[in-house]
Amino acid sequence: MLEVAHWYYFISLEKDFIRTLDFVELATANHTTYSDNFAKLLLAVGSEVDTIAKAICHQLSATSEADTIMKYRDELTAGFPGIHTIDILVMRTAQTLNPWTEWGIPTPTSPSWWKGYNNVKHNRIINLNDANQENCINALAGLFALNLYYYRDQKMVAPFPKLLNFHFPQYLVDTVMTRPPGA
C-alpha cells in the first residue's frame, strides 16, 4: 500500500495558502506582504521540506546522514542533477516558479525562501517581514517539487493540487539521468 502522508500534508498546506488569497491577492505587488498567518504557514512548509528532503535522501541512500539544507542539496543534486531547473506553475497566475534555482549556480546557496524560513524560525518577532507571500509560495513550490521526487515511482497520487502544477519533463525526476529522452 502506498504511504501518502507527505502528499496529504502538502495538499493541506496548499489549502492553507489558498485561503490567504481571500485577503491578499497573489500578485507581485503583494509579494512583500507579511503576517502572522504567513509565518505559521512558512514554518509548517519549511519544516515539511526538511522532513521530506531527509526522506528522499534516505531513499537514495539508506546510510544518508544529510541533516541540513546544503547537505540535502549535495545528495539530491547528485541523485537528481536537474532538480535546480524544475519549474512549478502557479495556475492562478500562470507564473512559473523555480524554487531550487540557487542550487544550480556556480556557488550554490540555500534558496532565498529557505533563508526567510530560518529567519522566522529563529526570531519571528524581528524577522516577521520574511514571513511574506513570496517566501510562502516559493516554499510551497519547493515542497511540491520534493513531493514529486518522493513519489516519483508512483503512477499517480491524488488529490491533485488546486494551485500548483509541475512544468518540467519527467527525466528530471528520474533517479538516473544520463540525458533527456531523444537526445
C-alpha atoms as a PDB file:
ATOM      1  CA  MET A   1       0.000   0.000   0.000  1.00  0.00           C
ATOM      2  CA  LEU A   2       1.240   3.461  -0.889  1.00  0.00           C
ATOM      3  CA  GLU A   3       2.146   5.726   2.019  1.00  0.00           C
ATOM      4  CA  VAL A   4       0.856   9.174   1.129  1.00  0.00           C
ATOM      5  CA  ALA A   5       1.227  11.117   4.374  1.00  0.00           C
ATOM      6  CA  HIS A   6       3.630  13.641   2.840  1.00  0.00           C
ATOM      7  CA  TRP A   7       1.311  14.202  -0.107  1.00  0.00           C
ATOM      8  CA  TYR A   8      -1.787  14.786   2.022  1.00  0.00           C
ATOM      9  CA  TYR A   9       0.123  17.171   4.253  1.00  0.00           C
ATOM     10  CA  PHE A  10       1.297  19.117   1.194  1.00  0.00           C
ATOM     11  CA  ILE A  11      -2.323  19.312  -0.057  1.00  0.00           C
ATOM     12  CA  SER A  12      -3.383  20.580   3.381  1.00  0.00           C
ATOM     13  CA  LEU A  13      -0.671  23.259   3.347  1.00  0.00           C
ATOM     14  CA  GLU A  14      -1.630  24.279  -0.179  1.00  0.00           C
ATOM     15  CA  LYS A  15      -5.247  24.701   1.000  1.00  0.00           C
ATOM     16  CA  ASP A  16      -3.998  26.913   3.841  1.00  0.00           C
ATOM     17  CA  PHE A  17      -2.132  29.073   1.339  1.00  0.00           C
ATOM     18  CA  ILE A  18      -5.162  29.286  -0.955  1.00  0.00           C
ATOM     19  CA  ARG A  19      -7.212  30.594   1.993  1.00  0.00           C
ATOM     20  CA  THR A  20      -4.783  33.518   2.310  1.00  0.00           C
ATOM     21  CA  LEU A  21      -5.780  34.565  -1.213  1.00  0.00           C
ATOM     22  CA  ASP A  22      -9.186  35.643   0.115  1.00  0.00           C
ATOM     23  CA  PHE A  23      -7.337  38.504   1.829  1.00  0.00           C
ATOM     24  CA  VAL A  24      -4.138  39.063  -0.150  1.00  0.00           C
ATOM     25  CA  GLU A  25      -4.323  38.513  -3.905  1.00  0.00           C
ATOM     26  CA  LEU A  26      -1.448  36.552  -5.394  1.00  0.00           C
ATOM     27  CA  ALA A  27       0.367  39.329  -7.222  1.00  0.00           C
ATOM     28  CA  THR A  28       3.893  40.666  -7.457  1.00  0.00           C
ATOM     29  CA  ALA A  29       2.747  43.871  -5.764  1.00  0.00           C
ATOM     30  CA  ASN A  30       1.761  41.791  -2.706  1.00  0.00           C
ATOM     31  CA  HIS A  31       4.836  39.561  -2.507  1.00  0.00           C
ATOM     32  CA  THR A  32       6.301  41.510   0.419  1.00  0.00           C
ATOM     33  CA  THR A  33       3.046  41.399   2.389  1.00  0.00           C
ATOM     34  CA  TYR A  34       3.750  39.637   5.672  1.00  0.00           C
ATOM     35  CA  SER A  35       1.593  38.416   8.528  1.00  0.00           C
ATOM     36  CA  ASP A  36       1.360  36.002  11.420  1.00  0.00           C
ATOM     37  CA  ASN A  37      -0.642  33.669   9.166  1.00  0.00           C
ATOM     38  CA  PHE A  38       2.135  33.663   6.604  1.00  0.00           C
ATOM     39  CA  ALA A  39       4.561  32.984   9.484  1.00  0.00           C
ATOM     40  CA  LYS A  40       2.582  29.908  10.592  1.00  0.00           C
ATOM     41  CA  LEU A  41       2.398  28.670   7.023  1.00  0.00           C
ATOM     42  CA  LEU A  42       6.075  29.290   6.263  1.00  0.00           C
ATOM     43  CA  LEU A  43       7.128  27.479   9.440  1.00  0.00           C
ATOM     44  CA  ALA A  44       4.927  24.484   8.627  1.00  0.00           C
ATOM     45  CA  VAL A  45       6.048  24.295   4.984  1.00  0.00           C
ATOM     46  CA  GLY A  46       9.727  24.731   5.874  1.00  0.00           C
ATOM     47  CA  SER A  47       9.514  22.005   8.490  1.00  0.00           C
ATOM     48  CA  GLU A  48       7.931  19.624   5.972  1.00  0.00           C
ATOM     49  CA  VAL A  49      10.604  20.492   3.391  1.00  0.00           C
ATOM     50  CA  ASP A  50      13.190  19.419   5.964  1.00  0.00           C
ATOM     51  CA  THR A  51      11.302  16.185   6.673  1.00  0.00           C
ATOM     52  CA  ILE A  52      10.718  15.125   3.076  1.00  0.00           C
ATOM     53  CA  ALA A  53      14.189  16.156   1.871  1.00  0.00           C
ATOM     54  CA  LYS A  54      15.670  13.888   4.522  1.00  0.00           C
ATOM     55  CA  ALA A  55      13.293  11.084   3.471  1.00  0.00           C
ATOM     56  CA  ILE A  56      14.321  11.416  -0.191  1.00  0.00           C
ATOM     57  CA  CYS A  57      17.985  11.319   0.796  1.00  0.00           C
ATOM     58  CA  HIS A  58      17.236   8.059   2.640  1.00  0.00           C
ATOM     59  CA  GLN A  59      15.511   6.718  -0.488  1.00  0.00           C
ATOM     60  CA  LEU A  60      18.690   7.453  -2.428  1.00  0.00           C
ATOM     61  CA  SER A  61      20.997   6.035   0.247  1.00  0.00           C
ATOM     62  CA  ALA A  62      19.888   4.172   3.352  1.00  0.00           C
ATOM     63  CA  THR A  63      23.043   5.417   5.088  1.00  0.00           C
ATOM     64  CA  SER A  64      22.406   9.099   4.346  1.00  0.00           C
ATOM     65  CA  GLU A  65      23.337  11.427   7.169  1.00  0.00           C
ATOM     66  CA  ALA A  66      22.120  14.600   5.471  1.00  0.00           C
ATOM     67  CA  ASP A  67      20.521  16.878   8.040  1.00  0.00           C
ATOM     68  CA  THR A  68      20.866  20.437   6.684  1.00  0.00           C
ATOM     69  CA  ILE A  69      19.590  22.090   3.547  1.00  0.00           C
ATOM     70  CA  MET A  70      23.034  22.193   1.914  1.00  0.00           C
ATOM     71  CA  LYS A  71      23.712  18.538   2.778  1.00  0.00           C
ATOM     72  CA  TYR A  72      20.312  17.723   1.260  1.00  0.00           C
ATOM     73  CA  ARG A  73      21.415  19.724  -1.761  1.00  0.00           C
ATOM     74  CA  ASP A  74      24.587  17.672  -2.116  1.00  0.00           C
ATOM     75  CA  GLU A  75      22.704  14.375  -2.072  1.00  0.00           C
ATOM     76  CA  LEU A  76      19.643  15.473  -4.028  1.00  0.00           C
ATOM     77  CA  THR A  77      21.604  17.116  -6.844  1.00  0.00           C
ATOM     78  CA  ALA A  78      23.812  14.004  -7.063  1.00  0.00           C
ATOM     79  CA  GLY A  79      20.722  11.808  -7.351  1.00  0.00           C
ATOM     80  CA  PHE A  80      18.700  14.240  -9.480  1.00  0.00           C
ATOM     81  CA  PRO A  81      21.080  16.501 -11.411  1.00  0.00           C
ATOM     82  CA  GLY A  82      18.222  18.585 -12.857  1.00  0.00           C
ATOM     83  CA  ILE A  83      16.471  19.425  -9.592  1.00  0.00           C
ATOM     84  CA  HIS A  84      17.603  23.054  -9.726  1.00  0.00           C
ATOM     85  CA  THR A  85      15.892  23.528 -13.103  1.00  0.00           C
ATOM     86  CA  ILE A  86      12.407  22.450 -12.045  1.00  0.00           C
ATOM     87  CA  ASP A  87       9.660  24.884 -12.925  1.00  0.00           C
ATOM     88  CA  ILE A  88       6.474  24.899 -10.870  1.00  0.00           C
ATOM     89  CA  LEU A  89       3.478  26.539 -12.481  1.00  0.00           C
ATOM     90  CA  VAL A  90       1.122  28.689 -10.393  1.00  0.00           C
ATOM     91  CA  MET A  91      -2.110  28.011 -12.259  1.00  0.00           C
ATOM     92  CA  ARG A  92      -3.964  31.029 -10.873  1.00  0.00           C
ATOM     93  CA  THR A  93      -1.463  33.499 -12.335  1.00  0.00           C
ATOM     94  CA  ALA A  94       0.327  31.398 -14.977  1.00  0.00           C
ATOM     95  CA  GLN A  95       3.528  32.360 -13.156  1.00  0.00           C
ATOM     96  CA  THR A  96       6.431  29.927 -13.191  1.00  0.00           C
ATOM     97  CA  LEU A  97       8.482  29.450 -10.041  1.00  0.00           C
ATOM     98  CA  ASN A  98      11.896  27.851  -9.804  1.00  0.00           C
ATOM     99  CA  PRO A  99      12.205  27.111  -6.071  1.00  0.00           C
ATOM    100  CA  TRP A 100      15.551  25.306  -6.195  1.00  0.00           C
ATOM    101  CA  THR A 101      17.408  27.518  -8.688  1.00  0.00           C
ATOM    102  CA  GLU A 102      20.040  28.611  -6.125  1.00  0.00           C
ATOM    103  CA  TRP A 103      21.226  25.002  -6.010  1.00  0.00           C
ATOM    104  CA  GLY A 104      22.424  25.254  -9.606  1.00  0.00           C
ATOM    105  CA  ILE A 105      24.514  28.415  -9.510  1.00  0.00           C
ATOM    106  CA  PRO A 106      28.338  28.164  -9.538  1.00  0.00           C
ATOM    107  CA  THR A 107      28.494  28.735  -5.776  1.00  0.00           C
ATOM    108  CA  PRO A 108      25.287  27.045  -4.558  1.00  0.00           C
ATOM    109  CA  THR A 109      23.384  28.594  -1.685  1.00  0.00           C
ATOM    110  CA  SER A 110      20.200  27.915   0.215  1.00  0.00           C
ATOM    111  CA  PRO A 111      17.074  29.118  -1.569  1.00  0.00           C
ATOM    112  CA  SER A 112      16.073  32.642  -0.525  1.00  0.00           C
ATOM    113  CA  TRP A 113      12.732  31.353   0.795  1.00  0.00           C
ATOM    114  CA  TRP A 114      14.652  28.859   2.975  1.00  0.00           C
ATOM    115  CA  LYS A 115      16.700  31.705   4.417  1.00  0.00           C
ATOM    116  CA  GLY A 116      13.430  33.532   5.141  1.00  0.00           C
ATOM    117  CA  TYR A 117      12.049  30.398   6.802  1.00  0.00           C
ATOM    118  CA  ASN A 118      15.124  30.118   9.019  1.00  0.00           C
ATOM    119  CA  ASN A 119      14.980  33.805   9.908  1.00  0.00           C
ATOM    120  CA  VAL A 120      11.357  33.436  11.005  1.00  0.00           C
ATOM    121  CA  LYS A 121      12.063  30.154  12.800  1.00  0.00           C
ATOM    122  CA  HIS A 122      14.933  31.603  14.833  1.00  0.00           C
ATOM    123  CA  ASN A 123      13.488  35.067  15.549  1.00  0.00           C
ATOM    124  CA  ARG A 124       9.926  35.557  14.367  1.00  0.00           C
ATOM    125  CA  ILE A 125       9.465  38.931  16.065  1.00  0.00           C
ATOM    126  CA  ILE A 126      12.441  40.633  14.428  1.00  0.00           C
ATOM    127  CA  ASN A 127      12.109  38.801  11.098  1.00  0.00           C
ATOM    128  CA  LEU A 128       8.340  38.766  10.643  1.00  0.00           C
ATOM    129  CA  ASN A 129       8.771  40.577   7.312  1.00  0.00           C
ATOM    130  CA  ASP A 130      10.363  37.360   5.981  1.00  0.00           C
ATOM    131  CA  ALA A 131       7.025  35.627   6.610  1.00  0.00           C
ATOM    132  CA  ASN A 132       5.706  37.059   3.365  1.00  0.00           C
ATOM    133  CA  GLN A 133       3.646  35.862   0.441  1.00  0.00           C
ATOM    134  CA  GLU A 134       6.637  35.420  -1.861  1.00  0.00           C
ATOM    135  CA  ASN A 135       8.552  33.203   0.571  1.00  0.00           C
ATOM    136  CA  CYS A 136       5.407  31.178   1.285  1.00  0.00           C
ATOM    137  CA  ILE A 137       4.534  30.481  -2.356  1.00  0.00           C
ATOM    138  CA  ASN A 138       8.145  29.616  -3.231  1.00  0.00           C
ATOM    139  CA  ALA A 139       8.476  27.355  -0.191  1.00  0.00           C
ATOM    140  CA  LEU A 140       5.224  25.651  -1.145  1.00  0.00           C
ATOM    141  CA  ALA A 141       6.524  25.213  -4.715  1.00  0.00           C
ATOM    142  CA  GLY A 142       9.737  23.732  -3.314  1.00  0.00           C
ATOM    143  CA  LEU A 143       7.729  21.327  -1.179  1.00  0.00           C
ATOM    144  CA  PHE A 144       5.590  20.357  -4.170  1.00  0.00           C
ATOM    145  CA  ALA A 145       8.724  19.591  -6.213  1.00  0.00           C
ATOM    146  CA  LEU A 146      10.136  17.443  -3.409  1.00  0.00           C
ATOM    147  CA  ASN A 147       6.854  15.546  -3.205  1.00  0.00           C
ATOM    148  CA  LEU A 148       7.126  14.800  -6.920  1.00  0.00           C
ATOM    149  CA  TYR A 149      10.592  13.355  -6.293  1.00  0.00           C
ATOM    150  CA  TYR A 150       9.457  11.412  -3.251  1.00  0.00           C
ATOM    151  CA  TYR A 151       6.536   9.842  -5.130  1.00  0.00           C
ATOM    152  CA  ARG A 152       8.416   9.577  -8.449  1.00  0.00           C
ATOM    153  CA  ASP A 153       7.827   5.828  -8.792  1.00  0.00           C
ATOM    154  CA  GLN A 154       4.067   6.105  -8.327  1.00  0.00           C
ATOM    155  CA  LYS A 155       1.825   6.323 -11.359  1.00  0.00           C
ATOM    156  CA  MET A 156      -0.368   8.877  -9.605  1.00  0.00           C
ATOM    157  CA  VAL A 157      -1.018  10.446  -6.246  1.00  0.00           C
ATOM    158  CA  ALA A 158      -4.264  12.241  -5.557  1.00  0.00           C
ATOM    159  CA  PRO A 159      -5.942  14.551  -4.915  1.00  0.00           C
ATOM    160  CA  PHE A 160      -4.314  16.924  -7.363  1.00  0.00           C
ATOM    161  CA  PRO A 161      -3.145  20.342  -6.200  1.00  0.00           C
ATOM    162  CA  LYS A 162      -5.521  23.236  -6.854  1.00  0.00           C
ATOM    163  CA  LEU A 163      -2.901  25.994  -7.182  1.00  0.00           C
ATOM    164  CA  LEU A 164       0.368  24.413  -8.275  1.00  0.00           C
ATOM    165  CA  ASN A 165       1.292  22.173 -11.166  1.00  0.00           C
ATOM    166  CA  PHE A 166       4.573  20.838 -12.447  1.00  0.00           C
ATOM    167  CA  HIS A 167       6.020  22.169 -15.648  1.00  0.00           C
ATOM    168  CA  PHE A 168       9.078  20.065 -16.324  1.00  0.00           C
ATOM    169  CA  PRO A 169       9.966  16.877 -18.178  1.00  0.00           C
ATOM    170  CA  GLN A 170       9.830  13.501 -16.432  1.00  0.00           C
ATOM    171  CA  TYR A 171      13.528  12.877 -16.968  1.00  0.00           C
ATOM    172  CA  LEU A 172      14.281  15.499 -14.300  1.00  0.00           C
ATOM    173  CA  VAL A 173      12.782  13.276 -11.609  1.00  0.00           C
ATOM    174  CA  ASP A 174      14.227  10.007 -12.848  1.00  0.00           C
ATOM    175  CA  THR A 175      16.869   8.667 -10.490  1.00  0.00           C
ATOM    176  CA  VAL A 176      19.387   8.062 -13.260  1.00  0.00           C
ATOM    177  CA  MET A 177      19.540  10.976 -15.655  1.00  0.00           C
ATOM    178  CA  THR A 178      22.153  10.494 -18.316  1.00  0.00           C
ATOM    179  CA  ARG A 179      20.462  12.735 -20.907  1.00  0.00           C
ATOM    180  CA  PRO A 180      16.998  13.867 -21.889  1.00  0.00           C
ATOM    181  CA  PRO A 181      14.844  11.391 -23.824  1.00  0.00           C
ATOM    182  CA  GLY A 182      15.575  11.543 -27.532  1.00  0.00           C
ATOM    183  CA  ALA A 183      18.884  13.340 -27.062  1.00  0.00           C
END
